[in-house]
PDB file of all heavy atoms in Angstrom:
ATOM      1  N   LEU A   1      -0.295  17.511  11.339  1.00  0.00           N
ATOM      2  CA  LEU A   1       0.240  16.277  11.913  1.00  0.00           C
ATOM      3  C   LEU A   1      -0.625  15.083  11.528  1.00  0.00           C
ATOM      4  O   LEU A   1      -0.117  13.997  11.210  1.00  0.00           O
ATOM      5  CB  LEU A   1       0.321  16.384  13.435  1.00  0.00           C
ATOM      6  CG  LEU A   1       1.436  17.247  14.028  1.00  0.00           C
ATOM      7  CD1 LEU A   1       1.367  17.206  15.551  1.00  0.00           C
ATOM      8  CD2 LEU A   1       2.800  16.778  13.555  1.00  0.00           C
ATOM      9  N   SER A   2      -1.942  15.270  11.552  1.00  0.00           N
ATOM     10  CA  SER A   2      -2.857  14.187  11.191  1.00  0.00           C
ATOM     11  C   SER A   2      -2.714  13.811   9.722  1.00  0.00           C
ATOM     12  O   SER A   2      -2.758  12.621   9.369  1.00  0.00           O
ATOM     13  CB  SER A   2      -4.300  14.611  11.483  1.00  0.00           C
ATOM     14  OG  SER A   2      -5.210  13.604  11.099  1.00  0.00           O
ATOM     15  N   ILE A   3      -2.531  14.799   8.859  1.00  0.00           N
ATOM     16  CA  ILE A   3      -2.364  14.528   7.428  1.00  0.00           C
ATOM     17  C   ILE A   3      -1.082  13.744   7.182  1.00  0.00           C
ATOM     18  O   ILE A   3      -1.064  12.759   6.425  1.00  0.00           O
ATOM     19  CB  ILE A   3      -2.350  15.850   6.635  1.00  0.00           C
ATOM     20  CG1 ILE A   3      -3.736  16.492   6.660  1.00  0.00           C
ATOM     21  CG2 ILE A   3      -1.901  15.607   5.194  1.00  0.00           C
ATOM     22  CD1 ILE A   3      -3.775  17.881   6.051  1.00  0.00           C
ATOM     23  N   ILE A   4       0.008  14.156   7.846  1.00  0.00           N
ATOM     24  CA  ILE A   4       1.286  13.444   7.687  1.00  0.00           C
ATOM     25  C   ILE A   4       1.159  12.001   8.176  1.00  0.00           C
ATOM     26  O   ILE A   4       1.599  11.055   7.508  1.00  0.00           O
ATOM     27  CB  ILE A   4       2.401  14.173   8.462  1.00  0.00           C
ATOM     28  CG1 ILE A   4       2.661  15.553   7.839  1.00  0.00           C
ATOM     29  CG2 ILE A   4       3.683  13.344   8.467  1.00  0.00           C
ATOM     30  CD1 ILE A   4       3.628  16.408   8.629  1.00  0.00           C
ATOM     31  N   SER A   5       0.534  11.842   9.328  1.00  0.00           N
ATOM     32  CA  SER A   5       0.327  10.498   9.874  1.00  0.00           C
ATOM     33  C   SER A   5      -0.549   9.667   8.942  1.00  0.00           C
ATOM     34  O   SER A   5      -0.270   8.486   8.687  1.00  0.00           O
ATOM     35  CB  SER A   5      -0.320  10.588  11.260  1.00  0.00           C
ATOM     36  OG  SER A   5      -0.658   9.312  11.752  1.00  0.00           O
ATOM     37  N   GLY A   6      -1.621  10.281   8.428  1.00  0.00           N
ATOM     38  CA  GLY A   6      -2.530   9.582   7.535  1.00  0.00           C
ATOM     39  C   GLY A   6      -1.867   9.156   6.238  1.00  0.00           C
ATOM     40  O   GLY A   6      -2.102   8.050   5.738  1.00  0.00           O
ATOM     41  N   LEU A   7      -1.021  10.026   5.684  1.00  0.00           N
ATOM     42  CA  LEU A   7      -0.308   9.680   4.454  1.00  0.00           C
ATOM     43  C   LEU A   7       0.642   8.502   4.681  1.00  0.00           C
ATOM     44  O   LEU A   7       0.742   7.598   3.844  1.00  0.00           O
ATOM     45  CB  LEU A   7       0.472  10.894   3.937  1.00  0.00           C
ATOM     46  CG  LEU A   7      -0.362  12.027   3.329  1.00  0.00           C
ATOM     47  CD1 LEU A   7       0.531  13.228   3.022  1.00  0.00           C
ATOM     48  CD2 LEU A   7      -1.067  11.561   2.065  1.00  0.00           C
ATOM     49  N   ASN A   8       1.328   8.525   5.810  1.00  0.00           N
ATOM     50  CA  ASN A   8       2.242   7.433   6.133  1.00  0.00           C
ATOM     51  C   ASN A   8       1.479   6.112   6.284  1.00  0.00           C
ATOM     52  O   ASN A   8       1.868   5.068   5.749  1.00  0.00           O
ATOM     53  CB  ASN A   8       2.996   7.751   7.427  1.00  0.00           C
ATOM     54  CG  ASN A   8       3.933   6.643   7.848  1.00  0.00           C
ATOM     55  OD1 ASN A   8       4.866   6.293   7.129  1.00  0.00           O
ATOM     56  ND2 ASN A   8       3.690   6.068   9.017  1.00  0.00           N
ATOM     57  N   TYR A   9       0.361   6.171   7.019  1.00  0.00           N
ATOM     58  CA  TYR A   9      -0.448   4.974   7.245  1.00  0.00           C
ATOM     59  C   TYR A   9      -1.074   4.481   5.944  1.00  0.00           C
ATOM     60  O   TYR A   9      -1.033   3.284   5.631  1.00  0.00           O
ATOM     61  CB  TYR A   9      -1.538   5.282   8.273  1.00  0.00           C
ATOM     62  CG  TYR A   9      -2.519   4.161   8.498  1.00  0.00           C
ATOM     63  CD1 TYR A   9      -2.169   3.034   9.242  1.00  0.00           C
ATOM     64  CD2 TYR A   9      -3.807   4.213   7.960  1.00  0.00           C
ATOM     65  CE1 TYR A   9      -3.068   1.988   9.443  1.00  0.00           C
ATOM     66  CE2 TYR A   9      -4.704   3.183   8.163  1.00  0.00           C
ATOM     67  CZ  TYR A   9      -4.331   2.080   8.913  1.00  0.00           C
ATOM     68  OH  TYR A   9      -5.216   1.058   9.094  1.00  0.00           O
ATOM     69  N   THR A  10      -1.635   5.398   5.168  1.00  0.00           N
ATOM     70  CA  THR A  10      -2.300   5.022   3.924  1.00  0.00           C
ATOM     71  C   THR A  10      -1.314   4.410   2.933  1.00  0.00           C
ATOM     72  O   THR A  10      -1.649   3.451   2.221  1.00  0.00           O
ATOM     73  CB  THR A  10      -2.984   6.247   3.294  1.00  0.00           C
ATOM     74  OG1 THR A  10      -3.903   6.809   4.224  1.00  0.00           O
ATOM     75  CG2 THR A  10      -3.719   5.859   2.022  1.00  0.00           C
ATOM     76  N   GLY A  11      -0.105   4.954   2.898  1.00  0.00           N
ATOM     77  CA  GLY A  11       0.913   4.399   2.010  1.00  0.00           C
ATOM     78  C   GLY A  11       1.193   2.937   2.315  1.00  0.00           C
ATOM     79  O   GLY A  11       1.284   2.095   1.414  1.00  0.00           O
ATOM     80  N   THR A  12       1.301   2.629   3.611  1.00  0.00           N
ATOM     81  CA  THR A  12       1.539   1.242   4.019  1.00  0.00           C
ATOM     82  C   THR A  12       0.332   0.371   3.715  1.00  0.00           C
ATOM     83  O   THR A  12       0.463  -0.763   3.222  1.00  0.00           O
ATOM     84  CB  THR A  12       1.852   1.180   5.529  1.00  0.00           C
ATOM     85  OG1 THR A  12       2.908   2.092   5.828  1.00  0.00           O
ATOM     86  CG2 THR A  12       2.265  -0.218   5.933  1.00  0.00           C
ATOM     87  N   VAL A  13      -0.864   0.894   4.003  1.00  0.00           N
ATOM     88  CA  VAL A  13      -2.099   0.142   3.767  1.00  0.00           C
ATOM     89  C   VAL A  13      -2.248  -0.220   2.289  1.00  0.00           C
ATOM     90  O   VAL A  13      -2.692  -1.320   1.947  1.00  0.00           O
ATOM     91  CB  VAL A  13      -3.319   0.957   4.249  1.00  0.00           C
ATOM     92  CG1 VAL A  13      -4.612   0.361   3.725  1.00  0.00           C
ATOM     93  CG2 VAL A  13      -3.340   1.013   5.775  1.00  0.00           C
ATOM     94  N   LEU A  14      -1.887   0.693   1.409  1.00  0.00           N
ATOM     95  CA  LEU A  14      -2.005   0.437  -0.022  1.00  0.00           C
ATOM     96  C   LEU A  14      -0.896  -0.477  -0.538  1.00  0.00           C
ATOM     97  O   LEU A  14      -1.114  -1.302  -1.431  1.00  0.00           O
ATOM     98  CB  LEU A  14      -1.978   1.758  -0.793  1.00  0.00           C
ATOM     99  CG  LEU A  14      -3.196   2.672  -0.638  1.00  0.00           C
ATOM    100  CD1 LEU A  14      -2.919   4.024  -1.272  1.00  0.00           C
ATOM    101  CD2 LEU A  14      -4.423   2.040  -1.261  1.00  0.00           C
ATOM    102  N   PHE A  15       0.300  -0.333   0.030  1.00  0.00           N
ATOM    103  CA  PHE A  15       1.450  -1.069  -0.483  1.00  0.00           C
ATOM    104  C   PHE A  15       1.377  -2.569  -0.166  1.00  0.00           C
ATOM    105  O   PHE A  15       1.706  -3.405  -1.002  1.00  0.00           O
ATOM    106  CB  PHE A  15       2.740  -0.481   0.095  1.00  0.00           C
ATOM    107  CG  PHE A  15       3.984  -1.131  -0.438  1.00  0.00           C
ATOM    108  CD1 PHE A  15       4.401  -0.891  -1.743  1.00  0.00           C
ATOM    109  CD2 PHE A  15       4.739  -1.976   0.358  1.00  0.00           C
ATOM    110  CE1 PHE A  15       5.547  -1.485  -2.246  1.00  0.00           C
ATOM    111  CE2 PHE A  15       5.889  -2.575  -0.133  1.00  0.00           C
ATOM    112  CZ  PHE A  15       6.297  -2.332  -1.435  1.00  0.00           C
ATOM    113  N   VAL A  16       0.934  -2.899   1.056  1.00  0.00           N
ATOM    114  CA  VAL A  16       0.931  -4.308   1.479  1.00  0.00           C
ATOM    115  C   VAL A  16       0.065  -5.192   0.574  1.00  0.00           C
ATOM    116  O   VAL A  16       0.547  -6.200   0.049  1.00  0.00           O
ATOM    117  CB  VAL A  16       0.493  -4.422   2.958  1.00  0.00           C
ATOM    118  CG1 VAL A  16       0.276  -5.881   3.337  1.00  0.00           C
ATOM    119  CG2 VAL A  16       1.535  -3.794   3.876  1.00  0.00           C
ATOM    120  N   PRO A  17      -1.224  -4.858   0.364  1.00  0.00           N
ATOM    121  CA  PRO A  17      -2.016  -5.715  -0.546  1.00  0.00           C
ATOM    122  C   PRO A  17      -1.559  -5.628  -1.997  1.00  0.00           C
ATOM    123  O   PRO A  17      -1.743  -6.584  -2.756  1.00  0.00           O
ATOM    124  CB  PRO A  17      -3.448  -5.186  -0.373  1.00  0.00           C
ATOM    125  CG  PRO A  17      -3.291  -3.792   0.132  1.00  0.00           C
ATOM    126  CD  PRO A  17      -2.041  -3.787   0.948  1.00  0.00           C
ATOM    127  N   ALA A  18      -0.950  -4.492  -2.367  1.00  0.00           N
ATOM    128  CA  ALA A  18      -0.462  -4.364  -3.746  1.00  0.00           C
ATOM    129  C   ALA A  18       0.662  -5.351  -4.017  1.00  0.00           C
ATOM    130  O   ALA A  18       0.723  -5.968  -5.092  1.00  0.00           O
ATOM    131  CB  ALA A  18       0.017  -2.931  -3.998  1.00  0.00           C
ATOM    132  N   VAL A  19       1.551  -5.507  -3.050  1.00  0.00           N
ATOM    133  CA  VAL A  19       2.639  -6.484  -3.203  1.00  0.00           C
ATOM    134  C   VAL A  19       2.071  -7.896  -3.283  1.00  0.00           C
ATOM    135  O   VAL A  19       2.539  -8.736  -4.065  1.00  0.00           O
ATOM    136  CB  VAL A  19       3.618  -6.364  -2.018  1.00  0.00           C
ATOM    137  CG1 VAL A  19       4.628  -7.507  -2.033  1.00  0.00           C
ATOM    138  CG2 VAL A  19       4.348  -5.034  -2.068  1.00  0.00           C
ATOM    139  N   THR A  20       1.039  -8.172  -2.483  1.00  0.00           N
ATOM    140  CA  THR A  20       0.401  -9.486  -2.498  1.00  0.00           C
ATOM    141  C   THR A  20      -0.238  -9.765  -3.858  1.00  0.00           C
ATOM    142  O   THR A  20      -0.095 -10.863  -4.418  1.00  0.00           O
ATOM    143  CB  THR A  20      -0.671  -9.578  -1.397  1.00  0.00           C
ATOM    144  OG1 THR A  20      -0.081  -9.247  -0.141  1.00  0.00           O
ATOM    145  CG2 THR A  20      -1.260 -10.969  -1.327  1.00  0.00           C
ATOM    146  N   LEU A  21      -0.959  -8.782  -4.397  1.00  0.00           N
ATOM    147  CA  LEU A  21      -1.592  -8.965  -5.710  1.00  0.00           C
ATOM    148  C   LEU A  21      -0.546  -9.164  -6.800  1.00  0.00           C
ATOM    149  O   LEU A  21      -0.753  -9.949  -7.736  1.00  0.00           O
ATOM    150  CB  LEU A  21      -2.466  -7.750  -6.037  1.00  0.00           C
ATOM    151  CG  LEU A  21      -3.905  -7.770  -5.518  1.00  0.00           C
ATOM    152  CD1 LEU A  21      -4.599  -6.459  -5.845  1.00  0.00           C
ATOM    153  CD2 LEU A  21      -4.680  -8.948  -6.099  1.00  0.00           C
ATOM    154  N   GLU A  22       0.566  -8.475  -6.672  1.00  0.00           N
ATOM    155  CA  GLU A  22       1.628  -8.642  -7.664  1.00  0.00           C
ATOM    156  C   GLU A  22       2.182 -10.067  -7.622  1.00  0.00           C
ATOM    157  O   GLU A  22       2.513 -10.651  -8.654  1.00  0.00           O
ATOM    158  CB  GLU A  22       2.753  -7.640  -7.413  1.00  0.00           C
ATOM    159  CG  GLU A  22       3.822  -7.646  -8.488  1.00  0.00           C
ATOM    160  CD  GLU A  22       4.817  -6.512  -8.314  1.00  0.00           C
ATOM    161  OE1 GLU A  22       5.107  -6.160  -7.154  1.00  0.00           O
ATOM    162  OE2 GLU A  22       5.302  -5.981  -9.330  1.00  0.00           O
ATOM    163  N   ALA A  23       2.253 -10.643  -6.420  1.00  0.00           N
ATOM    164  CA  ALA A  23       2.801 -11.993  -6.274  1.00  0.00           C
ATOM    165  C   ALA A  23       1.865 -13.057  -6.830  1.00  0.00           C
ATOM    166  O   ALA A  23       2.309 -14.024  -7.450  1.00  0.00           O
ATOM    167  CB  ALA A  23       3.101 -12.272  -4.805  1.00  0.00           C
ATOM    168  N   VAL A  24       0.550 -12.891  -6.610  1.00  0.00           N
ATOM    169  CA  VAL A  24      -0.391 -13.949  -6.995  1.00  0.00           C
ATOM    170  C   VAL A  24      -1.048 -13.705  -8.343  1.00  0.00           C
ATOM    171  O   VAL A  24      -1.568 -14.650  -8.963  1.00  0.00           O
ATOM    172  CB  VAL A  24      -1.489 -14.130  -5.923  1.00  0.00           C
ATOM    173  CG1 VAL A  24      -0.879 -14.492  -4.583  1.00  0.00           C
ATOM    174  CG2 VAL A  24      -2.362 -12.882  -5.796  1.00  0.00           C
ATOM    175  N   ALA A  25      -1.055 -12.459  -8.819  1.00  0.00           N
ATOM    176  CA  ALA A  25      -1.767 -12.158 -10.060  1.00  0.00           C
ATOM    177  C   ALA A  25      -0.923 -11.404 -11.085  1.00  0.00           C
ATOM    178  O   ALA A  25      -1.414 -11.082 -12.165  1.00  0.00           O
ATOM    179  CB  ALA A  25      -3.028 -11.339  -9.753  1.00  0.00           C
ATOM    180  N   LYS A  26       0.330 -11.116 -10.725  1.00  0.00           N
ATOM    181  CA  LYS A  26       1.232 -10.389 -11.618  1.00  0.00           C
ATOM    182  C   LYS A  26       0.702  -9.008 -12.010  1.00  0.00           C
ATOM    183  O   LYS A  26       1.030  -8.485 -13.084  1.00  0.00           O
ATOM    184  CB  LYS A  26       1.521 -11.219 -12.879  1.00  0.00           C
ATOM    185  CG  LYS A  26       2.256 -12.521 -12.608  1.00  0.00           C
ATOM    186  CD  LYS A  26       3.568 -12.292 -11.897  1.00  0.00           C
ATOM    187  CE  LYS A  26       4.284 -13.610 -11.625  1.00  0.00           C
ATOM    188  NZ  LYS A  26       5.550 -13.400 -10.871  1.00  0.00           N
ATOM    189  N   ILE A  27      -0.132  -8.438 -11.135  1.00  0.00           N
ATOM    190  CA  ILE A  27      -0.587  -7.064 -11.344  1.00  0.00           C
ATOM    191  C   ILE A  27       0.465  -6.131 -10.759  1.00  0.00           C
ATOM    192  O   ILE A  27       0.786  -6.236  -9.569  1.00  0.00           O
ATOM    193  CB  ILE A  27      -1.943  -6.814 -10.655  1.00  0.00           C
ATOM    194  CG1 ILE A  27      -3.011  -7.761 -11.205  1.00  0.00           C
ATOM    195  CG2 ILE A  27      -2.380  -5.368 -10.823  1.00  0.00           C
ATOM    196  CD1 ILE A  27      -4.349  -7.657 -10.495  1.00  0.00           C
ATOM    197  N   PRO A  28       1.050  -5.229 -11.530  1.00  0.00           N
ATOM    198  CA  PRO A  28       2.091  -4.338 -11.004  1.00  0.00           C
ATOM    199  C   PRO A  28       1.605  -3.595  -9.761  1.00  0.00           C
ATOM    200  O   PRO A  28       0.461  -3.130  -9.724  1.00  0.00           O
ATOM    201  CB  PRO A  28       2.340  -3.366 -12.162  1.00  0.00           C
ATOM    202  CG  PRO A  28       1.906  -4.110 -13.376  1.00  0.00           C
ATOM    203  CD  PRO A  28       0.754  -4.975 -12.952  1.00  0.00           C
ATOM    204  N   HIS A  29       2.458  -3.512  -8.749  1.00  0.00           N
ATOM    205  CA  HIS A  29       2.007  -2.921  -7.491  1.00  0.00           C
ATOM    206  C   HIS A  29       1.606  -1.464  -7.649  1.00  0.00           C
ATOM    207  O   HIS A  29       0.693  -0.995  -6.974  1.00  0.00           O
ATOM    208  CB  HIS A  29       3.084  -3.082  -6.404  1.00  0.00           C
ATOM    209  CG  HIS A  29       4.338  -2.326  -6.670  1.00  0.00           C
ATOM    210  ND1 HIS A  29       5.402  -2.858  -7.364  1.00  0.00           N
ATOM    211  CD2 HIS A  29       4.708  -1.064  -6.312  1.00  0.00           C
ATOM    212  CE1 HIS A  29       6.369  -1.954  -7.436  1.00  0.00           C
ATOM    213  NE2 HIS A  29       5.977  -0.873  -6.820  1.00  0.00           N
TER     214      HIS A  29
END
C-alpha cells in the first residue's frame, strides 16, 4: 500500500515541475 501511494505521489511531484520547466525552458517534460 505504501509503495502504491508513494508511486502516485512521486508521479505528481515529478510531473508538476516538469510541466513548469517545459513552459519556461522548452525542456520536454
